Amino acid sequence: MTQTRGLHTVNPVAGTPATAPGARLTLSVPRWYTADRSHSAIRRANQRAPAMPPASRHPFRITALLLCALLVAVLLLATALTLFWPTVHLRSSLADLASDRLGVPVTIDGDAQVRLWPRPALRINDVSLDDGSLAAGRISLRWLPLLRGQFVPASVYLDTPVLNLVRDENGVLNIDPRDDDATPAQTAAVFDLHIRQGTLHWHDQARDQRASVTALYLSLPALRWRRARDGDHPLSRLNLSAEARAETLHYNTLALADISLGLSVRDGALRSSDWQMSFLDSAGTAEADMDFSSSPASWALALQFDALQAAALPEAWLPGDGATGSAALTLSLTSQGNETDAILRHLDGAIRLSGRDMVLHGMDLDQELARFQRTQRFSLVDAGAFIFAGPIGLAATKGSEFARLLDRADGDTRITHLLSDWTVEDGVAHARDVAMATERNRIALRADLDLSARSIQDAAVAVINQDGCAVIQQRIRGSFDAPDIDEPAIVDALLGAPLALLQRGLDALSIKREDCDSFYNGEVSPPADD
């Protein structure tokens, strides 16, 4: 039997190491020996190594303590500034800053507060300026720019702002927040903008045009804008996504209500496809595209109303007892340009208004036409401007003899079919198919209207018979505001027509082929024979 001692294998009989050929040498170290050697080595290593400070064994402890101390210092500083910053001095400083940026005097009549935690912010109340006011506002600022002495907003909240914008006859705006000496980098801005219950008024003195928006709610997260390069449109570097709604939008006598829309702008290219609004008590939809990155800017607008209510026409458009019935409106227009005149000059598209079974209250148009030869109480041009609601607009009847006639006449006019179909090419509107039929007569309009120059190149309104020949015709030309109107031209057949025939309607009047002035050949059919 072989025993193991130390590092050798010993034969228990001979007492000599086993050296037999092929024998395997087995090394065995006692456990007490290895354990003692290991602990000794560790002790010697610790004695040779320099002593380690206790704190270095926890490297994050000092960092955490420093952060806590910094946090406490910031909180104390924020509390001190909030409590001891003079409110009067803060109001004065903020008012001076706003006046410098807007170019108009600004005063803060209410409280002004500063807050540094969790983000620096300014709160102001009862702000007034020459052309507007603000009930309350809050501006959150970014930390790093503030440490460099720069006011860079992170978010802006405006409560009940009112702003009046006026462009004078020289085209100068009363408020111009842009800094002409600033570089594009200095005018870069990325922030959130939120408006509650806003009101905006616009007045173009040169054109005597007014617009207003009331009860505006606007949410603009991550609004990003950089000042445009020289020669580019001011909005060419705008980026945003927005949700907006407003109670009313007025443009001169035009009024929209219950407006809501979403839009997105990427590098000056705007897209909106979900407009909802109400006009003349009819719900409508619209979509728009505007690209300010190109020069000139491009525009596209399409809208649709299925049931415009004649009863909702404003008094300025339709005096007297008004009208009843509904009509559908579709519009699709494109253009390009940076100013209104240029946009009108390049306008292209189509406008179509159509309705059936409408009633005009306060006047019997058929009766007036039956005795037209004897009385000539009103102008066909006035009637045409009211009836067809084309680019001339219903407002063209304001102050006309036709408008005054509606105030004093009796009876009603039933309009069986109304159609106003226009094409627009290079800013000129052409009457493609514009006519209406009553129970006894048809009236049609031909016109070419220069929208940019606000002039009537050539227009005529006519009462036509069943063959489309003009029985009574009246021409008009000149400016929209002061047109030249010819006297009505009456065919000879009308002069000798008996009263009984006229009572049946001028549509039944026969005209010789050689005397026929072919005036109309469109969708509106002649009145049905009784």
Protein backbone atom coordinates (compact mmCIF):
# COMPACT_ATOMS: atom_id res chain seq x y z
CA MET A 1 0.00 0.00 0.00
CA THR A 2 1.35 3.40 -0.93
CA GLN A 3 1.06 6.46 1.33
CA THR A 4 1.40 10.09 0.51
CA ARG A 5 3.67 12.35 2.50
CA GLY A 6 4.41 15.83 1.50
CA LEU A 7 5.40 15.90 -2.14
CA HIS A 8 6.48 12.23 -2.50
CA THR A 9 4.77 8.88 -2.91
CA VAL A 10 6.36 6.44 -0.40
CA ASN A 11 6.37 2.69 -0.35
CA PRO A 12 5.30 1.69 3.17
CA VAL A 13 7.44 -1.47 3.15
CA ALA A 14 10.77 -0.26 1.86
CA GLY A 15 10.42 3.32 3.03
CA THR A 16 11.82 4.54 -0.23
CA PRO A 17 10.17 6.63 -2.90
CA ALA A 18 8.35 4.64 -5.53
CA THR A 19 10.23 4.86 -8.82
CA ALA A 20 8.69 2.04 -10.69
CA PRO A 21 8.71 2.57 -14.41
CA GLY A 22 5.45 4.05 -15.67
CA ALA A 23 4.38 5.04 -12.21
CA ARG A 24 2.38 8.36 -12.00
CA LEU A 25 3.63 11.00 -9.61
CA THR A 26 0.87 12.51 -7.44
CA LEU A 27 1.41 15.94 -5.84
CA SER A 28 -0.67 16.74 -2.80
CA VAL A 29 -0.57 19.94 -0.71
CA PRO A 30 -2.15 19.93 2.74
CA ARG A 31 -5.16 22.26 3.16
CA TRP A 32 -3.73 23.86 6.28
CA TYR A 33 -0.63 24.75 4.32
CA THR A 34 -2.39 26.44 1.37
CA ALA A 35 -4.83 28.35 3.55
CA ASP A 36 -2.01 29.69 5.70
CA ARG A 37 0.03 30.72 2.70
CA SER A 38 -2.98 32.53 1.08
CA HIS A 39 -3.79 34.60 4.16
CA SER A 40 -0.15 35.47 4.61
CA ALA A 41 0.12 36.68 1.03
CA ILE A 42 -2.93 38.90 1.40
CA ARG A 43 -1.57 40.38 4.64
CA ARG A 44 1.79 41.14 3.05
CA ALA A 45 0.05 42.80 0.02
CA ASN A 46 -2.06 45.00 2.27
CA GLN A 47 1.03 46.01 4.23
CA ARG A 48 2.84 47.04 1.03
CA ALA A 49 -0.21 48.97 -0.55
CA PRO A 50 -0.83 52.63 0.48
CA ALA A 51 -3.85 53.32 2.67
CA MET A 52 -7.12 54.15 0.69
CA PRO A 53 -9.37 56.93 2.01
CA PRO A 54 -12.80 55.67 3.01
CA ALA A 55 -14.68 58.03 0.71
CA SER A 56 -12.86 56.80 -2.39
CA ARG A 57 -14.43 53.41 -1.88
CA HIS A 58 -17.83 55.07 -2.83
CA PRO A 59 -17.10 57.30 -5.88
CA PHE A 60 -20.77 58.38 -6.33
CA ARG A 61 -21.27 59.59 -2.80
CA ILE A 62 -19.48 62.91 -3.28
CA THR A 63 -21.23 63.52 -6.61
CA ALA A 64 -24.63 62.94 -5.04
CA LEU A 65 -23.79 65.26 -2.17
CA LEU A 66 -22.67 67.98 -4.59
CA LEU A 67 -25.85 67.65 -6.64
CA CYS A 68 -28.01 67.87 -3.54
CA ALA A 69 -26.12 70.95 -2.39
CA LEU A 70 -26.53 72.55 -5.84
CA LEU A 71 -30.23 71.75 -5.84
CA VAL A 72 -30.71 73.30 -2.42
CA ALA A 73 -28.80 76.40 -3.54
CA VAL A 74 -30.94 76.79 -6.64
CA LEU A 75 -34.13 76.40 -4.60
CA LEU A 76 -32.95 78.99 -2.11
CA LEU A 77 -31.96 81.36 -4.89
CA ALA A 78 -35.31 80.88 -6.65
CA THR A 79 -37.17 81.53 -3.41
CA ALA A 80 -35.09 84.61 -2.68
CA LEU A 81 -35.58 86.05 -6.14
CA THR A 82 -39.30 85.36 -6.03
CA LEU A 83 -39.68 87.01 -2.62
CA PHE A 84 -37.27 89.91 -2.87
CA TRP A 85 -37.12 90.87 -6.56
CA PRO A 86 -38.82 94.28 -6.74
CA THR A 87 -42.08 93.88 -8.67
CA VAL A 88 -42.01 97.47 -9.92
CA HIS A 89 -38.51 97.07 -11.32
CA LEU A 90 -39.43 93.75 -12.95
CA ARG A 91 -42.55 95.25 -14.57
CA SER A 92 -40.51 98.16 -15.89
CA SER A 93 -37.76 95.92 -17.27
CA LEU A 94 -40.18 93.58 -19.01
CA ALA A 95 -42.20 96.48 -20.44
CA ASP A 96 -39.04 98.09 -21.83
CA LEU A 97 -37.96 94.80 -23.37
CA ALA A 98 -41.38 94.23 -25.00
CA SER A 99 -41.51 97.83 -26.26
CA ASP A 100 -38.10 97.44 -27.84
CA ARG A 101 -39.02 94.16 -29.55
CA LEU A 102 -42.48 95.26 -30.80
CA GLY A 103 -41.68 98.83 -31.65
CA VAL A 104 -44.70 100.21 -29.73
CA PRO A 105 -45.13 101.39 -26.13
CA VAL A 106 -46.00 98.55 -23.73
CA THR A 107 -47.10 98.89 -20.11
CA ILE A 108 -47.74 96.22 -17.47
CA ASP A 109 -50.45 97.32 -15.06
CA GLY A 110 -50.83 94.04 -13.16
CA ASP A 111 -48.47 91.72 -11.32
CA ALA A 112 -45.15 90.53 -12.67
CA GLN A 113 -43.49 87.49 -11.15
CA VAL A 114 -40.34 85.49 -11.80
CA ARG A 115 -39.88 81.79 -11.07
CA LEU A 116 -36.71 79.72 -11.38
CA TRP A 117 -37.89 76.21 -10.50
CA PRO A 118 -38.38 73.75 -12.13
CA ARG A 119 -37.76 76.01 -15.11
CA PRO A 120 -37.23 79.78 -15.17
CA ALA A 121 -40.46 81.53 -16.07
CA LEU A 122 -42.07 84.97 -16.13
CA ARG A 123 -45.72 85.66 -15.31
CA ILE A 124 -47.42 88.94 -16.19
CA ASN A 125 -50.97 90.27 -15.93
CA ASP A 126 -52.92 93.18 -17.42
CA VAL A 127 -50.60 94.16 -20.25
CA SER A 128 -51.59 96.99 -22.56
CA LEU A 129 -50.10 98.51 -25.69
CA ASP A 130 -51.20 101.07 -28.21
CA ASP A 131 -52.80 98.45 -30.42
CA GLY A 132 -53.73 95.60 -28.13
CA SER A 133 -53.86 94.07 -24.68
CA LEU A 134 -53.15 90.85 -22.77
CA ALA A 135 -55.02 89.64 -19.70
CA ALA A 136 -52.30 87.23 -18.59
CA GLY A 137 -49.21 85.59 -19.97
CA ARG A 138 -46.53 83.11 -18.99
CA ILE A 139 -43.15 82.67 -20.65
CA SER A 140 -40.93 79.73 -19.73
CA LEU A 141 -37.24 80.31 -20.47
CA ARG A 142 -34.36 77.95 -21.22
CA TRP A 143 -31.67 77.59 -18.56
CA LEU A 144 -28.42 77.66 -20.55
CA PRO A 145 -29.19 80.75 -22.65
CA LEU A 146 -30.41 82.51 -19.49
CA LEU A 147 -27.03 81.86 -17.84
CA ARG A 148 -25.46 83.59 -20.85
CA GLY A 149 -27.77 86.58 -20.41
CA GLN A 150 -30.14 85.66 -23.29
CA PHE A 151 -33.94 85.35 -23.06
CA VAL A 152 -34.81 82.29 -25.16
CA PRO A 153 -38.39 81.08 -24.62
CA ALA A 154 -39.23 77.41 -24.22
CA SER A 155 -43.00 77.99 -24.13
CA VAL A 156 -45.34 80.98 -24.36
CA TYR A 157 -48.89 81.01 -22.98
CA LEU A 158 -51.14 83.97 -23.80
CA ASP A 159 -54.53 84.37 -22.12
CA THR A 160 -57.12 86.62 -23.81
CA PRO A 161 -54.72 88.55 -26.06
CA VAL A 162 -56.16 91.33 -28.25
CA LEU A 163 -54.10 92.65 -31.17
CA ASN A 164 -54.98 95.37 -33.71
CA LEU A 165 -52.87 95.32 -36.85
CA VAL A 166 -53.06 98.28 -39.23
CA ARG A 167 -51.28 98.71 -42.53
CA ASP A 168 -51.33 102.32 -43.64
CA GLU A 169 -51.68 103.67 -47.17
CA ASN A 170 -47.89 103.38 -47.64
CA GLY A 171 -47.91 99.70 -46.73
CA VAL A 172 -46.24 100.21 -43.32
CA LEU A 173 -47.43 97.96 -40.49
CA ASN A 174 -48.05 99.52 -37.08
CA ILE A 175 -46.21 96.64 -35.36
CA ASP A 176 -43.02 95.14 -36.80
CA PRO A 177 -41.31 92.72 -34.36
CA ARG A 178 -38.41 91.91 -36.69
CA ASP A 179 -34.93 93.23 -35.94
CA ASP A 180 -33.30 94.30 -39.19
CA ASP A 181 -29.81 94.27 -37.61
CA ALA A 182 -30.06 90.70 -36.37
CA THR A 183 -28.45 87.77 -38.14
CA PRO A 184 -30.40 84.64 -39.08
CA ALA A 185 -28.81 82.76 -36.18
CA GLN A 186 -29.89 85.42 -33.72
CA THR A 187 -33.50 85.28 -34.87
CA ALA A 188 -33.84 81.50 -34.69
CA ALA A 189 -36.62 80.37 -32.37
CA VAL A 190 -37.94 77.00 -31.19
CA PHE A 191 -40.71 77.12 -28.61
CA ASP A 192 -44.30 76.12 -27.80
CA LEU A 193 -47.01 78.72 -28.34
CA HIS A 194 -50.49 78.48 -26.81
CA ILE A 195 -53.22 81.11 -27.15
CA ARG A 196 -56.52 81.10 -25.28
CA GLN A 197 -59.52 83.30 -26.18
CA GLY A 198 -57.53 85.51 -28.56
CA THR A 199 -58.83 88.34 -30.73
CA LEU A 200 -57.17 89.72 -33.86
CA HIS A 201 -58.23 92.76 -35.90
CA TRP A 202 -56.76 93.71 -39.28
CA HIS A 203 -57.25 96.91 -41.28
CA ASP A 204 -55.71 97.63 -44.68
CA GLN A 205 -56.17 101.37 -45.06
CA ALA A 206 -55.02 101.47 -48.68
CA ARG A 207 -57.74 99.01 -49.76
CA ASP A 208 -60.21 99.83 -46.99
CA GLN A 209 -60.42 96.14 -46.11
CA ARG A 210 -61.04 94.78 -42.63
CA ALA A 211 -60.77 91.34 -41.07
CA SER A 212 -61.14 90.01 -37.54
CA VAL A 213 -60.86 86.72 -35.66
CA THR A 214 -62.59 86.18 -32.31
CA ALA A 215 -62.37 83.50 -29.61
CA LEU A 216 -59.16 82.10 -31.07
CA TYR A 217 -57.63 79.01 -29.46
CA LEU A 218 -54.24 78.04 -30.84
CA SER A 219 -51.79 75.29 -29.95
CA LEU A 220 -48.37 75.36 -31.60
CA PRO A 221 -45.99 72.79 -30.09
CA ALA A 222 -42.37 73.02 -31.19
CA LEU A 223 -42.77 76.12 -33.32
CA ARG A 224 -39.49 76.57 -35.20
CA TRP A 225 -38.74 79.72 -37.12
CA ARG A 226 -35.60 81.32 -38.49
CA ARG A 227 -35.39 84.69 -40.12
CA ALA A 228 -35.71 84.45 -43.91
CA ARG A 229 -32.74 85.09 -46.11
CA ASP A 230 -32.64 88.36 -48.01
CA GLY A 231 -35.18 88.33 -50.82
CA ASP A 232 -37.09 85.30 -49.49
CA HIS A 233 -40.60 85.30 -48.06
CA PRO A 234 -40.64 85.98 -44.27
CA LEU A 235 -42.24 82.54 -43.69
CA SER A 236 -39.88 80.57 -45.93
CA ARG A 237 -38.05 78.99 -42.94
CA LEU A 238 -41.07 78.31 -40.76
CA ASN A 239 -41.74 74.86 -39.28
CA LEU A 240 -44.73 73.96 -37.13
CA SER A 241 -47.68 71.69 -36.48
CA ALA A 242 -50.77 73.43 -35.17
CA GLU A 243 -54.34 72.96 -34.05
CA ALA A 244 -56.58 76.02 -34.17
CA ARG A 245 -60.21 76.93 -33.70
CA ALA A 246 -62.09 80.22 -33.67
CA GLU A 247 -65.63 81.33 -33.03
CA THR A 248 -65.84 83.79 -35.93
CA LEU A 249 -63.82 85.08 -38.86
CA HIS A 250 -65.01 88.28 -40.55
CA TYR A 251 -63.66 89.70 -43.79
CA ASN A 252 -65.47 92.91 -44.69
CA THR A 253 -69.10 91.70 -44.85
CA LEU A 254 -68.17 88.02 -45.19
CA ALA A 255 -68.53 85.98 -41.98
CA LEU A 256 -67.43 82.42 -41.14
CA ALA A 257 -68.22 80.69 -37.85
CA ASP A 258 -67.19 77.63 -35.82
CA ILE A 259 -63.84 77.29 -37.55
CA SER A 260 -61.43 74.47 -36.73
CA LEU A 261 -58.39 73.25 -38.59
CA GLY A 262 -55.10 71.47 -38.30
CA LEU A 263 -52.05 72.41 -40.31
CA SER A 264 -48.41 71.54 -40.71
CA VAL A 265 -45.56 73.63 -42.11
CA ARG A 266 -42.21 72.20 -43.17
CA ASP A 267 -39.59 74.70 -44.29
CA GLY A 268 -42.24 77.17 -45.36
CA ALA A 269 -44.53 74.66 -47.13
CA LEU A 270 -47.97 74.66 -45.50
CA ARG A 271 -50.54 71.90 -45.79
CA SER A 272 -54.02 71.78 -44.27
CA SER A 273 -56.70 69.31 -45.31
CA ASP A 274 -59.23 69.19 -42.47
CA TRP A 275 -60.83 72.62 -42.24
CA GLN A 276 -64.32 72.68 -40.76
CA MET A 277 -66.45 75.85 -40.76
CA SER A 278 -69.91 77.30 -41.09
CA PHE A 279 -71.05 79.92 -43.60
CA LEU A 280 -74.64 81.11 -44.08
CA ASP A 281 -75.80 78.38 -41.69
CA SER A 282 -74.19 75.66 -43.79
CA ALA A 283 -71.38 73.36 -42.68
CA GLY A 284 -68.43 73.35 -45.03
CA THR A 285 -65.03 71.83 -45.57
CA ALA A 286 -61.84 73.18 -47.08
CA GLU A 287 -58.21 72.36 -47.73
CA ALA A 288 -55.28 74.61 -48.54
CA ASP A 289 -51.67 74.45 -49.69
CA MET A 290 -49.24 77.34 -49.44
CA ASP A 291 -45.55 77.17 -50.27
CA PHE A 292 -43.50 80.11 -49.02
CA SER A 293 -40.15 78.42 -49.73
CA SER A 294 -40.39 79.28 -53.42
CA SER A 295 -40.33 82.77 -54.87
CA PRO A 296 -42.97 83.90 -55.47
CA ALA A 297 -45.07 81.96 -52.99
CA SER A 298 -47.68 79.55 -54.38
CA TRP A 299 -51.26 79.17 -53.13
CA ALA A 300 -54.07 76.63 -53.54
CA LEU A 301 -57.53 76.62 -51.95
CA ALA A 302 -60.53 74.33 -52.33
CA LEU A 303 -63.77 74.56 -50.36
CA GLN A 304 -67.30 73.19 -50.48
CA PHE A 305 -70.64 74.12 -48.90
CA ASP A 306 -73.61 71.89 -49.66
CA ALA A 307 -76.54 73.95 -48.39
CA LEU A 308 -75.98 77.69 -48.04
CA GLN A 309 -79.13 79.22 -46.57
CA ALA A 310 -80.47 82.31 -48.33
CA ALA A 311 -82.29 83.29 -45.15
CA ALA A 312 -78.90 83.86 -43.48
CA LEU A 313 -77.78 86.50 -46.00
CA PRO A 314 -76.76 89.65 -44.10
CA GLU A 315 -78.79 92.83 -44.37
CA ALA A 316 -75.94 94.56 -46.20
CA TRP A 317 -76.25 92.02 -49.00
CA LEU A 318 -79.99 91.58 -49.15
CA PRO A 319 -82.24 94.34 -47.80
CA GLY A 320 -85.96 93.98 -47.38
CA ASP A 321 -87.59 90.74 -46.34
CA GLY A 322 -84.72 88.55 -47.51
CA ALA A 323 -84.92 85.18 -49.23
CA THR A 324 -85.38 81.50 -48.46
CA GLY A 325 -83.99 78.35 -50.02
CA SER A 326 -80.53 76.81 -50.27
CA ALA A 327 -77.66 76.64 -52.74
CA ALA A 328 -74.43 74.66 -53.07
CA LEU A 329 -71.05 76.31 -53.51
CA THR A 330 -67.77 74.79 -54.69
CA LEU A 331 -64.53 76.66 -55.23
CA SER A 332 -61.08 75.64 -56.43
CA LEU A 333 -58.41 78.30 -56.94
CA THR A 334 -54.64 78.45 -57.37
CA SER A 335 -52.26 81.37 -57.61
CA GLN A 336 -48.79 82.66 -56.87
CA GLY A 337 -47.39 85.87 -55.48
CA ASN A 338 -46.39 87.58 -52.25
CA GLU A 339 -48.77 90.56 -52.37
CA THR A 340 -52.53 90.73 -52.86
CA ASP A 341 -52.28 92.36 -56.30
CA ALA A 342 -49.89 89.69 -57.57
CA ILE A 343 -52.05 86.88 -56.15
CA LEU A 344 -55.13 88.26 -57.94
CA ARG A 345 -53.24 88.71 -61.22
CA HIS A 346 -52.19 85.04 -61.27
CA LEU A 347 -55.47 83.59 -60.02
CA ASP A 348 -56.78 80.48 -61.83
CA GLY A 349 -59.60 78.08 -61.09
CA ALA A 350 -63.37 77.73 -60.98
CA ILE A 351 -66.33 78.85 -58.85
CA ARG A 352 -69.80 77.31 -59.04
CA LEU A 353 -72.99 78.24 -57.18
CA SER A 354 -76.21 76.35 -57.87
CA GLY A 355 -79.63 76.19 -56.27
CA ARG A 356 -83.27 75.32 -56.94
CA ASP A 357 -86.65 76.32 -55.55
CA MET A 358 -85.56 79.55 -53.90
CA VAL A 359 -87.88 82.43 -53.01
CA LEU A 360 -87.02 86.12 -53.06
CA HIS A 361 -89.35 87.92 -50.66
CA GLY A 362 -90.52 91.50 -51.06
CA MET A 363 -90.74 91.69 -54.84
CA ASP A 364 -92.45 89.95 -57.76
CA LEU A 365 -89.78 90.05 -60.43
CA ASP A 366 -92.06 88.56 -63.07
CA GLN A 367 -94.62 91.32 -62.45
CA GLU A 368 -91.92 93.98 -62.68
CA LEU A 369 -90.70 92.59 -66.00
CA ALA A 370 -94.27 92.47 -67.37
CA ARG A 371 -94.63 96.24 -66.92
CA PHE A 372 -90.99 97.08 -67.60
CA GLN A 373 -91.86 98.81 -70.90
CA ARG A 374 -94.03 101.31 -69.07
CA THR A 375 -92.27 101.79 -65.74
CA GLN A 376 -88.56 100.76 -66.11
CA ARG A 377 -88.43 100.84 -62.33
CA PHE A 378 -85.11 99.09 -61.91
CA SER A 379 -81.90 98.23 -63.71
CA LEU A 380 -81.27 94.72 -65.00
CA VAL A 381 -77.62 95.16 -64.02
CA ASP A 382 -78.60 95.60 -60.39
CA ALA A 383 -80.81 92.54 -60.57
CA GLY A 384 -78.01 90.54 -62.18
CA ALA A 385 -75.47 91.55 -59.53
CA PHE A 386 -77.85 90.35 -56.80
CA ILE A 387 -79.08 87.19 -58.47
CA PHE A 388 -75.88 85.59 -59.65
CA ALA A 389 -73.56 86.24 -56.70
CA GLY A 390 -70.53 85.87 -58.90
CA PRO A 391 -67.20 87.67 -58.49
CA ILE A 392 -69.06 91.00 -58.55
CA GLY A 393 -70.68 89.89 -55.31
CA LEU A 394 -74.02 90.50 -53.74
CA ALA A 395 -72.65 93.65 -52.13
CA ALA A 396 -72.75 95.30 -55.57
CA THR A 397 -76.47 95.91 -55.04
CA LYS A 398 -75.83 98.11 -52.02
CA GLY A 399 -77.31 101.57 -52.70
CA SER A 400 -78.73 100.52 -56.07
CA GLU A 401 -82.24 101.12 -57.28
CA PHE A 402 -82.86 97.37 -57.07
CA ALA A 403 -81.97 97.33 -53.38
CA ARG A 404 -84.27 100.25 -52.70
CA LEU A 405 -86.99 98.55 -54.73
CA LEU A 406 -86.83 95.52 -52.46
CA ASP A 407 -87.58 97.77 -49.51
CA ARG A 408 -90.80 99.14 -50.98
CA ALA A 409 -92.10 96.44 -53.35
CA ASP A 410 -94.64 93.74 -52.64
CA GLY A 411 -94.91 90.09 -53.60
CA ASP A 412 -92.46 87.22 -53.93
CA THR A 413 -90.35 85.76 -56.71
CA ARG A 414 -89.94 82.00 -56.97
CA ILE A 415 -86.61 81.07 -58.52
CA THR A 416 -86.87 77.58 -59.96
CA HIS A 417 -83.22 77.28 -60.98
CA LEU A 418 -80.17 79.41 -60.21
CA LEU A 419 -76.72 78.77 -61.68
CA SER A 420 -73.55 80.87 -61.41
CA ASP A 421 -70.63 79.04 -63.00
CA TRP A 422 -67.34 80.94 -63.47
CA THR A 423 -63.83 80.15 -64.67
CA VAL A 424 -60.85 82.26 -63.66
CA GLU A 425 -57.76 82.60 -65.86
CA ASP A 426 -54.83 84.91 -65.07
CA GLY A 427 -56.95 86.95 -62.72
CA VAL A 428 -59.89 87.42 -65.10
CA ALA A 429 -63.22 85.79 -64.23
CA HIS A 430 -65.30 84.60 -67.17
CA ALA A 431 -69.00 83.83 -66.85
CA ARG A 432 -69.21 80.32 -68.26
CA ASP A 433 -72.87 79.64 -67.46
CA VAL A 434 -74.69 82.25 -65.38
CA ALA A 435 -78.48 82.35 -65.49
CA MET A 436 -81.68 81.91 -63.50
CA ALA A 437 -85.25 80.94 -64.24
CA THR A 438 -88.39 82.18 -62.51
CA GLU A 439 -91.88 80.86 -63.08
CA ARG A 440 -92.22 83.06 -66.22
CA ASN A 441 -88.82 84.40 -67.25
CA ARG A 442 -85.13 83.69 -67.65
CA ILE A 443 -82.33 86.16 -66.99
CA ALA A 444 -78.73 85.50 -68.04
CA LEU A 445 -75.40 87.22 -67.56
CA ARG A 446 -72.26 87.39 -69.71
CA ALA A 447 -69.18 89.02 -68.20
CA ASP A 448 -65.39 89.23 -68.10
CA LEU A 449 -64.13 90.71 -64.84
CA ASP A 450 -60.54 91.75 -64.10
CA LEU A 451 -60.26 90.97 -60.39
CA SER A 452 -56.87 92.59 -59.86
CA ALA A 453 -57.81 95.86 -61.55
CA ARG A 454 -61.33 95.68 -60.07
CA SER A 455 -62.77 96.46 -63.47
CA ILE A 456 -65.50 95.08 -65.72
CA GLN A 457 -64.03 94.45 -69.15
CA ASP A 458 -67.39 93.66 -70.69
CA ALA A 459 -70.66 92.54 -69.14
CA ALA A 460 -74.30 92.35 -70.12
CA VAL A 461 -77.49 91.22 -68.41
CA ALA A 462 -80.43 90.11 -70.55
CA VAL A 463 -83.94 88.77 -70.29
CA ILE A 464 -84.05 85.93 -72.82
CA ASN A 465 -86.78 84.01 -74.57
CA GLN A 466 -87.10 80.28 -75.02
CA ASP A 467 -84.63 80.32 -77.93
CA GLY A 468 -81.96 82.14 -75.91
CA CYS A 469 -82.47 85.44 -77.74
CA ALA A 470 -82.10 88.69 -75.77
CA VAL A 471 -85.43 90.47 -75.31
CA ILE A 472 -84.12 93.20 -72.98
CA GLN A 473 -80.37 93.73 -72.69
CA GLN A 474 -78.25 96.12 -70.66
CA ARG A 475 -74.47 96.50 -70.85
CA ILE A 476 -72.01 97.53 -68.17
CA ARG A 477 -68.29 98.36 -68.13
CA GLY A 478 -65.76 100.25 -66.03
CA SER A 479 -64.67 99.85 -62.41
CA PHE A 480 -66.45 97.83 -59.76
CA ASP A 481 -66.93 100.92 -57.64
CA ALA A 482 -68.26 103.30 -60.35
CA PRO A 483 -69.35 101.33 -63.44
CA ASP A 484 -70.77 102.85 -66.59
CA ILE A 485 -74.23 101.39 -67.26
CA ASP A 486 -75.96 101.73 -70.63
CA GLU A 487 -79.67 102.22 -71.02
CA PRO A 488 -81.61 98.97 -71.55
CA ALA A 489 -81.91 97.88 -75.17
CA ILE A 490 -85.39 96.56 -76.01
CA VAL A 491 -86.15 94.51 -79.12
CA ASP A 492 -88.84 95.83 -81.44
CA ALA A 493 -91.05 92.81 -80.80
CA LEU A 494 -91.37 93.86 -77.17
CA LEU A 495 -92.50 97.36 -78.08
CA GLY A 496 -95.55 96.07 -79.87
CA ALA A 497 -96.32 93.14 -77.59
CA PRO A 498 -99.79 93.14 -75.99
CA LEU A 499 -100.04 93.23 -72.19
CA ALA A 500 -101.59 89.75 -72.10
CA LEU A 501 -98.47 88.32 -73.76
CA LEU A 502 -96.15 90.15 -71.40
CA GLN A 503 -98.10 88.75 -68.44
CA ARG A 504 -97.25 85.26 -69.68
CA GLY A 505 -93.55 86.16 -69.48
CA LEU A 506 -90.94 87.47 -71.90
CA ASP A 507 -89.75 83.93 -72.43
CA ALA A 508 -92.83 83.38 -74.64
CA LEU A 509 -92.03 86.34 -76.88
CA SER A 510 -91.16 85.25 -80.42
CA ILE A 511 -88.35 86.99 -82.28
CA LYS A 512 -87.49 86.61 -85.93
CA ARG A 513 -84.33 84.66 -86.56
CA GLU A 514 -82.68 87.62 -88.27
CA ASP A 515 -83.51 89.83 -85.27
CA CYS A 516 -82.33 87.35 -82.65
CA ASP A 517 -79.29 88.28 -80.58
CA SER A 518 -78.28 84.82 -79.41
CA PHE A 519 -77.34 85.42 -75.80
CA TYR A 520 -77.60 82.17 -73.83
CA ASN A 521 -77.24 78.43 -74.39
CA GLY A 522 -76.65 76.85 -71.00
CA GLU A 523 -78.04 74.49 -68.35
CA VAL A 524 -80.91 76.64 -67.10
CA SER A 525 -84.03 75.56 -68.98
CA PRO A 526 -86.88 77.90 -70.01
CA PRO A 527 -89.89 78.11 -67.68
CA ALA A 528 -92.47 75.38 -68.23
CA ASP A 529 -95.57 76.45 -70.19
CA ASP A 530 -98.73 76.73 -68.12
